[in-house]
Every structure is written in structure tokens, then in C-alpha cells.
Amino acid sequence: MFLRVARDAAMAAALITAALALTAPQPSCAQTSAPATSPTPPAPAKPENTTPQATPAAPEGTTKPGDPFGEDVTLTAKPIVYIKGSGTWDKAFATISGALKKVEAYVDKAGLKVDGLPMTIFLGTDDRGFDYEAAVPLAAAPKEAPPGEIAAGQSPDGRALEFVHRGSYEALDDTYEAITNYLDDKRLESKNVLIEQYVTDPVTADEKNLVVNVFVLIK
């Protein structure tokens, strides 16, 4: 299962340790509108006397022609409101969609203007579960502090790689494995920030038919 395999052992080791998670007072969310692309930096030098290998591709069936997979982009910080919490891998989708539902209800009630797609920022993972911030980006920060468990902050910015997943939330493990392989192949190191941006809102979408943009911030 994606949530146990890719983001716990595989992603914790590869995306968090090698090349995953996120930070708090300055929460982060990927730019929910299309991120502005930045010039692609020179590819890391390959070690001598090694046989060139093909760049890992997205798992079959999880992307469509033209979908980004490893596209270099620049994320711009935006105001966000979010709920911070922890969850277990076996209930990840329910945990994330439930948190986003609360945030979206607050945004509607407060009359705030949404400026982008809902998202999850992963702060840390292990073999049992994960720490997260489920967030909604805004055109402007709320004038009054949000109530209760909802907080206001700002999304992360900087250079990132964008990947696209189509299909079930559970099948994201295949996509994350491919992302791990891509980072290893390119010899890239992450800033330990991973963002899932939901083109199809988990609050209303079918769990088996999602479109998710994944952003990995790169050093």
C-alpha cells in the first residue's frame, strides 16, 4: 500500500532521508495555481565509468501524455489556513479528507477567497503513520485568527519537482516509488518537504479516481 510502503519506509528513507516532510510556523503548500517554471539547472554530473541509465518513468496508467513527471518548477508562497495533525497509513485518505472538510467549511463560513487547490503538506513519516498539515490557499490572509484547531500560515516556496498521479489514493505508492527512483537517478536531494495538491478535491471526489500533483522541494 502506498501509504505504508512509499511514504513510510521507502519514502521516509528515500524522499525524507535521501531525497520528505515539512515545516510548521511557516507551513507550506504548493502553489495551487500552475506554478511558474524556473530555468532548469544543469544536470548533476554523472560518476565516471558508469553505464548511463534511462530516466525512470511514471508507473503505467498513473499519468496521461503531457502530464509533468519530474518537471522543474518554482513555487510561490501563498497565505493558507490549515489543520495540523497526525494519522495512520491505513486511514490516511479518511484523515486527510476529513481535515480538509473542516478547513473548507471554515473558509466558506468566514467568506474567505480561495486561491488554489486544497493540499496536504507532509511534516514527517514513519512506519506507523505521518504528521501533516491539510491546507487551503487563500487570496489574502484572514483578518482575524481562525478558531480552534484551524491555523493561518503561508505555503512554502522555492525550487521543486512536479509529478502527477492519476488513479486511487492507495495506488500512490507506485507513483512515490517512481519518484524515489527519479531522484536517485538524477542524484537530487530534497529539502524534506513533500506536498500533495489535489486537482480532484478529496472531500468530494471518489478515492479511486483522483488527480494529484506531487511537489518535492529540492535543495
N, C-alpha and C. Protein backbone atom coordinates (compact mmCIF):
# COMPACT_ATOMS: atom_id res chain seq x y z
N MET A 1 0.83 -1.17 0.00
CA MET A 1 0.00 0.00 0.00
C MET A 1 0.88 1.24 0.00
N PHE A 2 0.49 2.24 -0.78
CA PHE A 2 1.30 3.46 -0.92
C PHE A 2 1.65 4.06 0.41
N LEU A 3 0.67 4.20 1.27
CA LEU A 3 0.92 4.94 2.48
C LEU A 3 1.85 4.22 3.42
N ARG A 4 1.91 2.91 3.34
CA ARG A 4 2.85 2.20 4.20
C ARG A 4 4.17 1.99 3.53
N VAL A 5 4.15 1.78 2.23
CA VAL A 5 5.39 1.44 1.54
C VAL A 5 6.15 2.67 1.12
N ALA A 6 5.51 3.58 0.38
CA ALA A 6 6.24 4.69 -0.20
C ALA A 6 6.56 5.77 0.79
N ARG A 7 5.60 6.13 1.63
CA ARG A 7 5.86 7.26 2.49
C ARG A 7 6.40 6.86 3.85
N ASP A 8 6.32 5.59 4.22
CA ASP A 8 6.94 5.22 5.49
C ASP A 8 8.35 4.77 5.25
N ALA A 9 8.54 3.50 4.90
CA ALA A 9 9.91 3.01 4.74
C ALA A 9 10.57 3.58 3.52
N ALA A 10 9.97 3.39 2.33
CA ALA A 10 10.64 3.81 1.11
C ALA A 10 10.77 5.31 1.03
N MET A 11 9.64 6.04 1.29
CA MET A 11 9.72 7.48 1.16
C MET A 11 10.45 8.10 2.33
N ALA A 12 10.28 7.53 3.54
CA ALA A 12 11.00 8.09 4.67
C ALA A 12 12.48 7.96 4.45
N ALA A 13 12.90 6.82 3.87
CA ALA A 13 14.32 6.62 3.63
C ALA A 13 14.78 7.40 2.42
N ALA A 14 13.99 7.38 1.33
CA ALA A 14 14.47 7.98 0.10
C ALA A 14 14.12 9.44 -0.03
N LEU A 15 12.81 9.80 0.17
CA LEU A 15 12.41 11.18 -0.01
C LEU A 15 12.64 12.04 1.22
N ILE A 16 12.56 11.42 2.41
CA ILE A 16 12.79 12.22 3.60
C ILE A 16 14.27 12.23 3.91
N THR A 17 14.87 11.05 4.01
CA THR A 17 16.28 10.98 4.37
C THR A 17 17.15 11.27 3.17
N ALA A 18 16.87 10.64 2.04
CA ALA A 18 17.73 10.79 0.88
C ALA A 18 17.30 11.95 0.05
N ALA A 19 16.14 11.94 -0.24
CA ALA A 19 15.80 12.97 -1.22
C ALA A 19 14.32 13.17 -1.30
N LEU A 20 11.91 13.72 2.69
CA LEU A 20 10.50 14.04 2.65
C LEU A 20 10.02 14.64 3.93
N ALA A 21 8.95 15.57 4.01
CA ALA A 21 8.12 16.02 5.11
C ALA A 21 7.83 17.49 5.03
N LEU A 22 7.81 18.29 6.19
CA LEU A 22 7.64 19.73 6.07
C LEU A 22 7.70 20.49 7.36
N THR A 23 7.55 21.78 7.32
CA THR A 23 7.82 22.58 8.50
C THR A 23 6.56 23.25 9.02
N ALA A 24 6.60 23.74 10.24
CA ALA A 24 5.44 24.34 10.83
C ALA A 24 5.38 25.84 10.80
N PRO A 25 5.66 26.72 11.75
CA PRO A 25 5.14 28.06 11.66
C PRO A 25 5.06 28.60 10.27
N GLN A 26 5.96 28.17 9.40
CA GLN A 26 5.89 28.57 8.01
C GLN A 26 5.37 27.39 7.24
N PRO A 27 4.08 27.03 7.39
CA PRO A 27 3.59 25.84 6.73
C PRO A 27 3.78 25.97 5.27
N SER A 28 3.51 24.98 4.60
CA SER A 28 3.79 25.06 3.21
C SER A 28 2.71 24.38 2.43
N CYS A 29 2.49 24.90 1.32
CA CYS A 29 1.59 24.30 0.40
C CYS A 29 2.14 24.58 -0.96
N ALA A 30 1.94 23.72 -1.83
CA ALA A 30 2.38 24.00 -3.16
C ALA A 30 1.53 25.10 -3.71
N GLN A 31 2.05 25.81 -4.62
CA GLN A 31 1.30 26.84 -5.30
C GLN A 31 0.13 26.18 -5.96
N THR A 32 -1.09 26.59 -5.65
CA THR A 32 -2.23 25.86 -6.10
C THR A 32 -2.63 26.20 -7.51
N SER A 33 -2.27 27.36 -7.98
CA SER A 33 -2.41 27.60 -9.40
C SER A 33 -1.16 27.05 -10.05
N ALA A 34 -1.14 27.06 -11.35
CA ALA A 34 0.01 26.47 -12.02
C ALA A 34 1.28 27.18 -11.60
N PRO A 35 2.25 26.44 -11.02
CA PRO A 35 3.48 27.09 -10.57
C PRO A 35 4.28 27.63 -11.74
N ALA A 36 4.92 28.77 -11.50
CA ALA A 36 5.78 29.33 -12.55
C ALA A 36 7.04 28.50 -12.67
N THR A 37 7.36 28.16 -13.88
CA THR A 37 8.55 27.34 -14.08
C THR A 37 9.80 28.18 -13.98
N SER A 38 10.86 27.56 -13.53
CA SER A 38 12.13 28.25 -13.45
C SER A 38 13.11 27.58 -14.38
N PRO A 39 14.16 28.28 -14.76
CA PRO A 39 15.14 27.65 -15.65
C PRO A 39 15.68 26.38 -15.03
N THR A 40 15.76 25.35 -15.84
CA THR A 40 16.25 24.07 -15.34
C THR A 40 17.75 24.16 -15.11
N PRO A 41 18.19 23.84 -13.87
CA PRO A 41 19.63 23.91 -13.59
C PRO A 41 20.37 22.80 -14.30
N PRO A 42 21.69 22.94 -14.43
CA PRO A 42 22.46 21.89 -15.08
C PRO A 42 22.26 20.56 -14.38
N ALA A 43 22.16 19.49 -15.15
CA ALA A 43 22.00 18.17 -14.57
C ALA A 43 23.24 17.80 -13.77
N PRO A 44 23.05 17.11 -12.62
CA PRO A 44 24.21 16.71 -11.82
C PRO A 44 25.17 15.86 -12.64
N ALA A 45 26.45 16.05 -12.43
CA ALA A 45 27.45 15.28 -13.16
C ALA A 45 27.35 13.81 -12.81
N LYS A 46 27.44 12.96 -13.81
CA LYS A 46 27.40 11.52 -13.58
C LYS A 46 28.79 11.02 -13.21
N PRO A 47 28.86 10.03 -12.35
CA PRO A 47 30.17 9.49 -11.99
C PRO A 47 30.84 8.88 -13.20
N GLU A 48 32.15 8.91 -13.19
CA GLU A 48 32.87 8.34 -14.31
C GLU A 48 32.76 6.83 -14.33
N ASN A 49 32.94 6.29 -15.54
CA ASN A 49 32.96 4.85 -15.73
C ASN A 49 31.69 4.17 -15.27
N THR A 50 30.57 4.83 -15.49
CA THR A 50 29.29 4.20 -15.19
C THR A 50 28.48 4.11 -16.46
N THR A 51 27.60 3.15 -16.52
CA THR A 51 26.76 2.96 -17.70
C THR A 51 25.53 3.83 -17.58
N PRO A 52 25.26 4.72 -18.56
CA PRO A 52 24.09 5.57 -18.47
C PRO A 52 22.82 4.74 -18.38
N GLN A 53 21.86 5.21 -17.57
CA GLN A 53 20.60 4.52 -17.41
C GLN A 53 19.46 5.43 -17.81
N ALA A 54 18.40 4.82 -18.30
CA ALA A 54 17.23 5.59 -18.70
C ALA A 54 16.59 6.22 -17.47
N THR A 55 16.07 7.44 -17.64
CA THR A 55 15.39 8.11 -16.54
C THR A 55 14.12 7.35 -16.20
N PRO A 56 13.89 7.02 -14.92
CA PRO A 56 12.69 6.29 -14.53
C PRO A 56 11.43 7.03 -14.97
N ALA A 57 10.46 6.28 -15.46
CA ALA A 57 9.21 6.87 -15.93
C ALA A 57 8.11 6.65 -14.90
N ALA A 58 7.00 7.37 -15.08
CA ALA A 58 5.86 7.19 -14.20
C ALA A 58 5.28 5.79 -14.38
N PRO A 59 4.69 5.22 -13.33
CA PRO A 59 4.06 3.92 -13.46
C PRO A 59 2.97 3.95 -14.53
N GLU A 60 2.85 2.89 -15.26
CA GLU A 60 1.86 2.81 -16.34
C GLU A 60 0.46 2.99 -15.78
N GLY A 61 -0.32 3.84 -16.43
CA GLY A 61 -1.70 4.05 -16.01
C GLY A 61 -1.90 5.16 -15.00
N THR A 62 -0.83 5.75 -14.47
CA THR A 62 -0.98 6.80 -13.46
C THR A 62 -0.81 8.20 -14.03
N THR A 63 -0.47 8.31 -15.29
CA THR A 63 -0.35 9.61 -15.94
C THR A 63 -0.97 9.55 -17.32
N LYS A 64 -1.12 10.73 -17.92
CA LYS A 64 -1.56 10.84 -19.30
C LYS A 64 -0.49 11.60 -20.07
N PRO A 65 -0.47 11.46 -21.40
CA PRO A 65 0.52 12.20 -22.18
C PRO A 65 0.46 13.69 -21.86
N GLY A 66 1.61 14.27 -21.62
CA GLY A 66 1.68 15.69 -21.30
C GLY A 66 1.71 15.99 -19.82
N ASP A 67 1.40 15.00 -18.97
CA ASP A 67 1.48 15.22 -17.53
C ASP A 67 2.93 15.42 -17.10
N PRO A 68 3.19 16.38 -16.21
CA PRO A 68 4.56 16.55 -15.71
C PRO A 68 4.98 15.32 -14.90
N PHE A 69 6.23 14.94 -15.06
CA PHE A 69 6.80 13.90 -14.21
C PHE A 69 8.28 14.22 -14.02
N GLY A 70 8.54 15.01 -12.98
CA GLY A 70 9.89 15.48 -12.74
C GLY A 70 10.14 16.85 -13.34
N GLU A 71 9.06 17.60 -13.62
CA GLU A 71 9.20 18.93 -14.22
C GLU A 71 9.70 19.93 -13.18
N ASP A 72 10.71 20.69 -13.53
CA ASP A 72 11.30 21.68 -12.64
C ASP A 72 10.40 22.92 -12.59
N VAL A 73 9.95 23.31 -11.39
CA VAL A 73 9.06 24.45 -11.24
C VAL A 73 9.52 25.31 -10.06
N THR A 74 8.96 26.49 -9.97
CA THR A 74 9.20 27.36 -8.82
C THR A 74 7.88 27.61 -8.12
N LEU A 75 7.82 27.30 -6.83
CA LEU A 75 6.62 27.52 -6.05
C LEU A 75 6.67 28.91 -5.40
N THR A 76 5.55 29.59 -5.40
CA THR A 76 5.44 30.90 -4.79
C THR A 76 4.62 30.80 -3.50
N ALA A 77 5.10 31.39 -2.42
CA ALA A 77 4.40 31.33 -1.14
C ALA A 77 3.04 32.01 -1.23
N LYS A 78 2.05 31.41 -0.57
CA LYS A 78 0.71 31.98 -0.52
C LYS A 78 0.16 31.88 0.90
N PRO A 79 -0.78 32.75 1.27
CA PRO A 79 -1.46 32.60 2.56
C PRO A 79 -2.27 31.31 2.55
N ILE A 80 -2.28 30.60 3.67
CA ILE A 80 -3.08 29.39 3.78
C ILE A 80 -3.74 29.33 5.15
N VAL A 81 -4.81 28.56 5.24
CA VAL A 81 -5.37 28.13 6.52
C VAL A 81 -5.31 26.61 6.51
N TYR A 82 -5.06 26.03 7.68
CA TYR A 82 -4.79 24.59 7.70
C TYR A 82 -5.11 23.98 9.05
N ILE A 83 -5.21 22.66 9.05
CA ILE A 83 -5.30 21.88 10.27
C ILE A 83 -4.08 20.99 10.33
N LYS A 84 -3.41 21.00 11.47
CA LYS A 84 -2.23 20.18 11.67
C LYS A 84 -2.59 18.97 12.52
N GLY A 85 -2.09 17.79 12.11
CA GLY A 85 -2.42 16.60 12.88
C GLY A 85 -1.54 15.43 12.52
N SER A 86 -1.94 14.27 13.00
CA SER A 86 -1.23 13.02 12.73
C SER A 86 -2.23 11.97 12.30
N GLY A 87 -1.76 10.98 11.55
CA GLY A 87 -2.63 9.92 11.09
C GLY A 87 -1.88 8.62 10.90
N THR A 88 -2.61 7.55 10.69
CA THR A 88 -2.02 6.25 10.39
C THR A 88 -2.24 5.93 8.93
N TRP A 89 -1.34 5.15 8.37
CA TRP A 89 -1.38 4.88 6.93
C TRP A 89 -2.67 4.20 6.49
N ASP A 90 -3.22 3.32 7.32
CA ASP A 90 -4.40 2.59 6.89
C ASP A 90 -5.65 3.47 6.81
N LYS A 91 -5.60 4.66 7.42
CA LYS A 91 -6.74 5.57 7.39
C LYS A 91 -6.34 6.94 6.84
N ALA A 92 -5.30 6.96 6.04
CA ALA A 92 -4.75 8.23 5.57
C ALA A 92 -5.75 9.06 4.78
N PHE A 93 -6.41 8.44 3.82
CA PHE A 93 -7.33 9.21 2.97
C PHE A 93 -8.47 9.80 3.80
N ALA A 94 -9.03 8.99 4.70
CA ALA A 94 -10.12 9.48 5.55
C ALA A 94 -9.63 10.60 6.46
N THR A 95 -8.42 10.48 6.98
CA THR A 95 -7.86 11.51 7.86
C THR A 95 -7.67 12.82 7.11
N ILE A 96 -7.06 12.74 5.93
CA ILE A 96 -6.78 13.95 5.15
C ILE A 96 -8.07 14.60 4.64
N SER A 97 -8.98 13.79 4.08
CA SER A 97 -10.22 14.36 3.55
C SER A 97 -11.07 14.95 4.67
N GLY A 98 -11.04 14.31 5.86
CA GLY A 98 -11.79 14.84 6.99
C GLY A 98 -11.26 16.18 7.45
N ALA A 99 -9.93 16.32 7.49
CA ALA A 99 -9.31 17.58 7.90
C ALA A 99 -9.61 18.68 6.87
N LEU A 100 -9.49 18.34 5.60
CA LEU A 100 -9.77 19.34 4.56
C LEU A 100 -11.23 19.78 4.59
N LYS A 101 -12.12 18.87 4.93
CA LYS A 101 -13.53 19.23 5.01
C LYS A 101 -13.76 20.30 6.07
N LYS A 102 -13.07 20.19 7.21
CA LYS A 102 -13.19 21.19 8.27
C LYS A 102 -12.62 22.53 7.84
N VAL A 103 -11.48 22.48 7.15
CA VAL A 103 -10.86 23.73 6.70
C VAL A 103 -11.75 24.42 5.67
N GLU A 104 -12.28 23.66 4.74
CA GLU A 104 -13.13 24.24 3.70
C GLU A 104 -14.41 24.81 4.29
N ALA A 105 -14.96 24.15 5.31
CA ALA A 105 -16.16 24.67 5.97
C ALA A 105 -15.87 26.01 6.64
N TYR A 106 -14.70 26.12 7.27
CA TYR A 106 -14.31 27.39 7.89
C TYR A 106 -14.15 28.48 6.83
N VAL A 107 -13.50 28.16 5.73
CA VAL A 107 -13.28 29.13 4.66
C VAL A 107 -14.61 29.65 4.13
N ASP A 108 -15.57 28.75 3.92
CA ASP A 108 -16.89 29.15 3.43
C ASP A 108 -17.61 30.04 4.45
N LYS A 109 -17.59 29.64 5.70
CA LYS A 109 -18.29 30.38 6.74
C LYS A 109 -17.69 31.77 6.94
N ALA A 110 -16.35 31.85 6.85
CA ALA A 110 -15.67 33.13 7.05
C ALA A 110 -15.71 34.02 5.82
N GLY A 111 -16.17 33.47 4.70
CA GLY A 111 -16.25 34.26 3.48
C GLY A 111 -14.90 34.58 2.88
N LEU A 112 -13.94 33.68 3.06
CA LEU A 112 -12.59 33.91 2.54
C LEU A 112 -12.51 33.47 1.08
N LYS A 113 -11.65 34.14 0.33
CA LYS A 113 -11.49 33.82 -1.09
C LYS A 113 -10.40 32.79 -1.29
N VAL A 114 -10.78 31.65 -1.85
CA VAL A 114 -9.82 30.58 -2.13
C VAL A 114 -9.00 30.95 -3.36
N ASP A 115 -7.71 30.66 -3.31
CA ASP A 115 -6.83 30.96 -4.44
C ASP A 115 -5.93 29.76 -4.72
N GLY A 116 -6.54 28.68 -5.16
CA GLY A 116 -5.76 27.50 -5.48
C GLY A 116 -6.44 26.22 -5.04
N LEU A 117 -5.71 25.13 -5.14
CA LEU A 117 -6.25 23.81 -4.85
C LEU A 117 -5.94 23.38 -3.42
N PRO A 118 -6.83 22.56 -2.82
CA PRO A 118 -6.54 22.03 -1.48
C PRO A 118 -5.33 21.13 -1.53
N MET A 119 -4.65 20.98 -0.38
CA MET A 119 -3.40 20.23 -0.39
C MET A 119 -3.07 19.67 0.99
N THR A 120 -2.13 18.74 0.99
CA THR A 120 -1.57 18.23 2.24
C THR A 120 -0.07 18.43 2.20
N ILE A 121 0.47 18.95 3.31
CA ILE A 121 1.91 19.10 3.46
C ILE A 121 2.35 18.06 4.48
N PHE A 122 3.25 17.19 4.11
CA PHE A 122 3.71 16.13 5.00
C PHE A 122 4.92 16.61 5.79
N LEU A 123 4.77 16.56 7.13
CA LEU A 123 5.79 17.06 8.04
C LEU A 123 6.75 15.97 8.50
N GLY A 124 6.30 14.74 8.49
CA GLY A 124 7.15 13.63 8.93
C GLY A 124 6.42 12.31 8.77
N THR A 125 7.16 11.26 8.60
CA THR A 125 6.57 9.94 8.45
C THR A 125 7.41 8.89 9.16
N ASP A 126 6.75 7.79 9.51
CA ASP A 126 7.46 6.61 9.97
C ASP A 126 6.66 5.39 9.55
N ASP A 127 7.02 4.21 10.05
CA ASP A 127 6.34 3.01 9.56
C ASP A 127 4.91 2.89 10.07
N ARG A 128 4.52 3.71 11.03
CA ARG A 128 3.16 3.64 11.57
C ARG A 128 2.24 4.72 11.02
N GLY A 129 2.79 5.90 10.76
CA GLY A 129 1.92 6.98 10.33
C GLY A 129 2.67 8.21 9.89
N PHE A 130 1.99 9.36 9.99
CA PHE A 130 2.54 10.59 9.42
C PHE A 130 2.00 11.81 10.16
N ASP A 131 2.74 12.89 10.10
CA ASP A 131 2.31 14.20 10.58
C ASP A 131 2.03 15.06 9.35
N TYR A 132 1.00 15.87 9.42
CA TYR A 132 0.57 16.57 8.22
C TYR A 132 -0.03 17.93 8.54
N GLU A 133 -0.18 18.74 7.48
CA GLU A 133 -0.99 19.94 7.50
C GLU A 133 -1.91 19.87 6.29
N ALA A 134 -3.21 19.84 6.54
CA ALA A 134 -4.20 19.85 5.47
C ALA A 134 -4.62 21.30 5.26
N ALA A 135 -4.38 21.84 4.07
CA ALA A 135 -4.47 23.30 3.88
C ALA A 135 -5.28 23.70 2.66
N VAL A 136 -5.78 24.93 2.74
CA VAL A 136 -6.46 25.57 1.61
C VAL A 136 -5.78 26.92 1.39
N PRO A 137 -5.32 27.22 0.18
CA PRO A 137 -4.67 28.51 -0.11
C PRO A 137 -5.69 29.63 -0.31
N LEU A 138 -5.30 30.82 0.09
CA LEU A 138 -6.21 31.97 0.04
C LEU A 138 -5.60 33.12 -0.77
N ALA A 139 -6.48 33.99 -1.25
CA ALA A 139 -6.01 35.18 -1.96
C ALA A 139 -5.38 36.16 -0.98
N ALA A 140 -5.85 36.14 0.27
CA ALA A 140 -5.30 37.02 1.31
C ALA A 140 -5.47 36.34 2.66
N ALA A 141 -4.58 36.63 3.57
CA ALA A 141 -4.65 36.04 4.91
C ALA A 141 -5.92 36.52 5.62
N PRO A 142 -6.52 35.68 6.46
CA PRO A 142 -7.72 36.12 7.20
C PRO A 142 -7.38 37.29 8.13
N LYS A 143 -8.32 38.22 8.27
CA LYS A 143 -8.08 39.39 9.12
C LYS A 143 -8.14 39.04 10.59
N GLU A 144 -8.89 37.99 10.93
CA GLU A 144 -8.98 37.53 12.30
C GLU A 144 -8.41 36.13 12.40
N ALA A 145 -7.82 35.81 13.54
CA ALA A 145 -7.24 34.48 13.74
C ALA A 145 -8.33 33.41 13.64
N PRO A 146 -8.06 32.33 12.91
CA PRO A 146 -9.04 31.26 12.79
C PRO A 146 -9.33 30.62 14.16
N PRO A 147 -10.50 30.02 14.32
CA PRO A 147 -10.86 29.44 15.61
C PRO A 147 -10.33 28.02 15.79
N GLY A 148 -10.24 27.60 17.04
CA GLY A 148 -9.96 26.21 17.36
C GLY A 148 -8.69 25.65 16.75
N GLU A 149 -8.84 24.48 16.12
CA GLU A 149 -7.70 23.75 15.59
C GLU A 149 -7.21 24.30 14.25
N ILE A 150 -7.95 25.22 13.68
CA ILE A 150 -7.54 25.80 12.39
C ILE A 150 -6.53 26.92 12.62
N ALA A 151 -5.50 26.94 11.82
CA ALA A 151 -4.45 27.95 11.94
C ALA A 151 -4.21 28.63 10.60
N ALA A 152 -3.55 29.78 10.64
CA ALA A 152 -3.20 30.50 9.42
C ALA A 152 -1.69 30.51 9.27
N GLY A 153 -1.24 30.48 8.04
CA GLY A 153 0.19 30.49 7.79
C GLY A 153 0.49 30.81 6.34
N GLN A 154 1.57 30.27 5.86
CA GLN A 154 1.99 30.54 4.48
C GLN A 154 2.59 29.27 3.89
N SER A 155 2.36 29.07 2.62
CA SER A 155 2.88 27.89 1.95
C SER A 155 4.37 28.05 1.65
N PRO A 156 5.06 26.93 1.45
CA PRO A 156 6.49 27.01 1.12
C PRO A 156 6.72 27.52 -0.29
N ASP A 157 7.91 28.00 -0.51
CA ASP A 157 8.26 28.45 -1.85
C ASP A 157 9.64 27.91 -2.20
N GLY A 158 10.00 28.09 -3.47
CA GLY A 158 11.31 27.65 -3.91
C GLY A 158 11.25 26.62 -5.03
N ARG A 159 12.41 26.12 -5.37
CA ARG A 159 12.52 25.16 -6.45
C ARG A 159 11.93 23.81 -6.05
N ALA A 160 11.16 23.22 -6.96
CA ALA A 160 10.54 21.92 -6.70
C ALA A 160 10.45 21.13 -7.99
N LEU A 161 10.23 19.84 -7.84
CA LEU A 161 9.92 18.97 -8.97
C LEU A 161 8.45 18.58 -8.88
N GLU A 162 7.77 18.66 -10.01
CA GLU A 162 6.34 18.34 -10.05
C GLU A 162 6.12 16.99 -10.72
N PHE A 163 5.25 16.19 -10.10
CA PHE A 163 4.86 14.88 -10.62
C PHE A 163 3.33 14.80 -10.57
N VAL A 164 2.75 14.00 -11.44
CA VAL A 164 1.29 13.85 -11.47
C VAL A 164 0.92 12.39 -11.25
N HIS A 165 -0.11 12.19 -10.43
CA HIS A 165 -0.66 10.84 -10.22
C HIS A 165 -2.13 10.86 -10.59
N ARG A 166 -2.57 9.85 -11.33
CA ARG A 166 -3.97 9.65 -11.65
C ARG A 166 -4.38 8.26 -11.19
N GLY A 167 -5.50 8.19 -10.48
CA GLY A 167 -5.96 6.89 -10.00
C GLY A 167 -6.30 6.94 -8.53
N SER A 168 -6.24 5.79 -7.86
CA SER A 168 -6.64 5.71 -6.46
C SER A 168 -5.57 6.29 -5.55
N TYR A 169 -5.99 6.66 -4.35
CA TYR A 169 -5.03 7.17 -3.37
C TYR A 169 -4.09 6.06 -2.94
N GLU A 170 -4.62 4.85 -2.84
CA GLU A 170 -3.79 3.72 -2.45
C GLU A 170 -2.69 3.46 -3.47
N ALA A 171 -3.00 3.66 -4.76
CA ALA A 171 -2.02 3.40 -5.82
C ALA A 171 -0.91 4.44 -5.87
N LEU A 172 -0.99 5.46 -5.02
CA LEU A 172 0.08 6.44 -4.99
C LEU A 172 1.42 5.83 -4.60
N ASP A 173 1.38 4.63 -3.99
CA ASP A 173 2.66 4.01 -3.62
C ASP A 173 3.52 3.76 -4.85
N ASP A 174 2.89 3.39 -5.97
CA ASP A 174 3.64 3.17 -7.20
C ASP A 174 4.25 4.47 -7.71
N THR A 175 3.48 5.54 -7.62
CA THR A 175 3.99 6.84 -8.07
C THR A 175 5.14 7.30 -7.19
N TYR A 176 5.02 7.12 -5.88
CA TYR A 176 6.10 7.53 -4.99
C TYR A 176 7.36 6.69 -5.18
N GLU A 177 7.18 5.44 -5.51
CA GLU A 177 8.35 4.61 -5.80
C GLU A 177 9.06 5.14 -7.04
N ALA A 178 8.27 5.51 -8.05
CA ALA A 178 8.86 6.06 -9.27
C ALA A 178 9.54 7.41 -8.98
N ILE A 179 8.96 8.22 -8.10
CA ILE A 179 9.57 9.49 -7.74
C ILE A 179 10.90 9.25 -7.03
N THR A 180 10.92 8.29 -6.13
CA THR A 180 12.16 7.95 -5.43
C THR A 180 13.24 7.55 -6.41
N ASN A 181 12.87 6.70 -7.36
CA ASN A 181 13.83 6.26 -8.38
C ASN A 181 14.31 7.42 -9.23
N TYR A 182 13.40 8.35 -9.53
CA TYR A 182 13.76 9.51 -10.34
C TYR A 182 14.80 10.37 -9.61
N LEU A 183 14.56 10.62 -8.33
CA LEU A 183 15.51 11.43 -7.55
C LEU A 183 16.86 10.74 -7.44
N ASP A 184 16.82 9.44 -7.22
CA ASP A 184 18.08 8.69 -7.14
C ASP A 184 18.84 8.75 -8.46
N ASP A 185 18.11 8.57 -9.56
CA ASP A 185 18.74 8.56 -10.88
C ASP A 185 19.37 9.92 -11.19
N LYS A 186 18.67 11.00 -10.80
CA LYS A 186 19.16 12.36 -11.07
C LYS A 186 20.12 12.85 -9.98
N ARG A 187 20.29 12.04 -8.95
CA ARG A 187 21.17 12.39 -7.84
C ARG A 187 20.78 13.74 -7.25
N LEU A 188 19.46 13.87 -6.98
CA LEU A 188 18.91 15.09 -6.41
C LEU A 188 18.55 14.85 -4.94
N GLU A 189 18.63 15.91 -4.14
CA GLU A 189 18.32 15.82 -2.72
C GLU A 189 17.18 16.78 -2.39
N SER A 190 16.19 16.28 -1.65
CA SER A 190 15.04 17.12 -1.32
C SER A 190 15.32 17.96 -0.10
N LYS A 191 14.45 18.96 0.13
CA LYS A 191 14.52 19.78 1.34
C LYS A 191 13.66 19.19 2.45
N ASN A 192 13.27 17.94 2.29
CA ASN A 192 12.39 17.28 3.24
C ASN A 192 11.03 17.97 3.30
N VAL A 193 10.53 18.38 2.15
CA VAL A 193 9.18 18.94 2.04
C VAL A 193 8.47 18.24 0.89
N LEU A 194 7.35 17.63 1.20
CA LEU A 194 6.54 16.93 0.20
C LEU A 194 5.12 17.45 0.27
N ILE A 195 4.57 17.80 -0.87
CA ILE A 195 3.23 18.38 -0.93
C ILE A 195 2.37 17.60 -1.92
N GLU A 196 1.18 17.24 -1.48
CA GLU A 196 0.18 16.69 -2.38
C GLU A 196 -0.87 17.76 -2.63
N GLN A 197 -1.06 18.10 -3.89
CA GLN A 197 -2.04 19.12 -4.29
C GLN A 197 -3.14 18.41 -5.05
N TYR A 198 -4.39 18.59 -4.63
CA TYR A 198 -5.49 17.78 -5.15
C TYR A 198 -6.27 18.51 -6.24
N VAL A 199 -6.07 18.08 -7.48
CA VAL A 199 -6.84 18.61 -8.60
C VAL A 199 -8.30 18.19 -8.44
N THR A 200 -8.50 16.96 -7.97
CA THR A 200 -9.83 16.49 -7.59
C THR A 200 -9.89 16.53 -6.06
N ASP A 201 -10.80 17.31 -5.51
CA ASP A 201 -10.88 17.54 -4.07
C ASP A 201 -11.24 16.24 -3.34
N PRO A 202 -10.40 15.77 -2.41
CA PRO A 202 -10.69 14.54 -1.67
C PRO A 202 -11.99 14.60 -0.89
N VAL A 203 -12.46 15.80 -0.57
CA VAL A 203 -13.70 15.93 0.19
C VAL A 203 -14.89 15.46 -0.62
N THR A 204 -14.84 15.66 -1.93
CA THR A 204 -15.99 15.32 -2.77
C THR A 204 -15.69 14.25 -3.82
N ALA A 205 -14.41 13.99 -4.10
CA ALA A 205 -14.05 13.07 -5.18
C ALA A 205 -14.07 11.62 -4.73
N ASP A 206 -14.18 10.72 -5.69
CA ASP A 206 -14.06 9.29 -5.45
C ASP A 206 -12.60 8.97 -5.16
N GLU A 207 -12.35 8.28 -4.07
CA GLU A 207 -10.98 7.95 -3.67
C GLU A 207 -10.23 7.18 -4.76
N LYS A 208 -10.97 6.48 -5.61
CA LYS A 208 -10.33 5.65 -6.63
C LYS A 208 -10.06 6.40 -7.93
N ASN A 209 -10.54 7.62 -8.02
CA ASN A 209 -10.37 8.39 -9.26
C ASN A 209 -9.89 9.80 -8.95
N LEU A 210 -8.66 9.87 -8.47
CA LEU A 210 -8.09 11.15 -8.09
C LEU A 210 -7.07 11.63 -9.10
N VAL A 211 -6.86 12.93 -9.12
CA VAL A 211 -5.73 13.52 -9.84
C VAL A 211 -4.96 14.33 -8.81
N VAL A 212 -3.71 13.96 -8.57
CA VAL A 212 -2.90 14.56 -7.52
C VAL A 212 -1.59 15.08 -8.10
N ASN A 213 -1.30 16.36 -7.86
CA ASN A 213 0.01 16.90 -8.18
C ASN A 213 0.91 16.73 -6.96
N VAL A 214 2.07 16.14 -7.15
CA VAL A 214 3.01 15.94 -6.06
C VAL A 214 4.21 16.86 -6.30
N PHE A 215 4.54 17.66 -5.29
CA PHE A 215 5.69 18.56 -5.39
C PHE A 215 6.74 18.15 -4.35
N VAL A 216 7.97 17.97 -4.80
CA VAL A 216 9.09 17.67 -3.92
C VAL A 216 10.05 18.85 -4.00
N LEU A 217 10.21 19.57 -2.89
CA LEU A 217 11.13 20.71 -2.90
C LEU A 217 12.58 20.23 -2.89
N ILE A 218 13.38 20.82 -3.75
CA ILE A 218 14.75 20.36 -4.00
C ILE A 218 15.77 21.38 -3.49
N LYS A 219 16.86 20.85 -2.93
CA LYS A 219 17.97 21.72 -2.49
C LYS A 219 18.71 22.26 -3.71
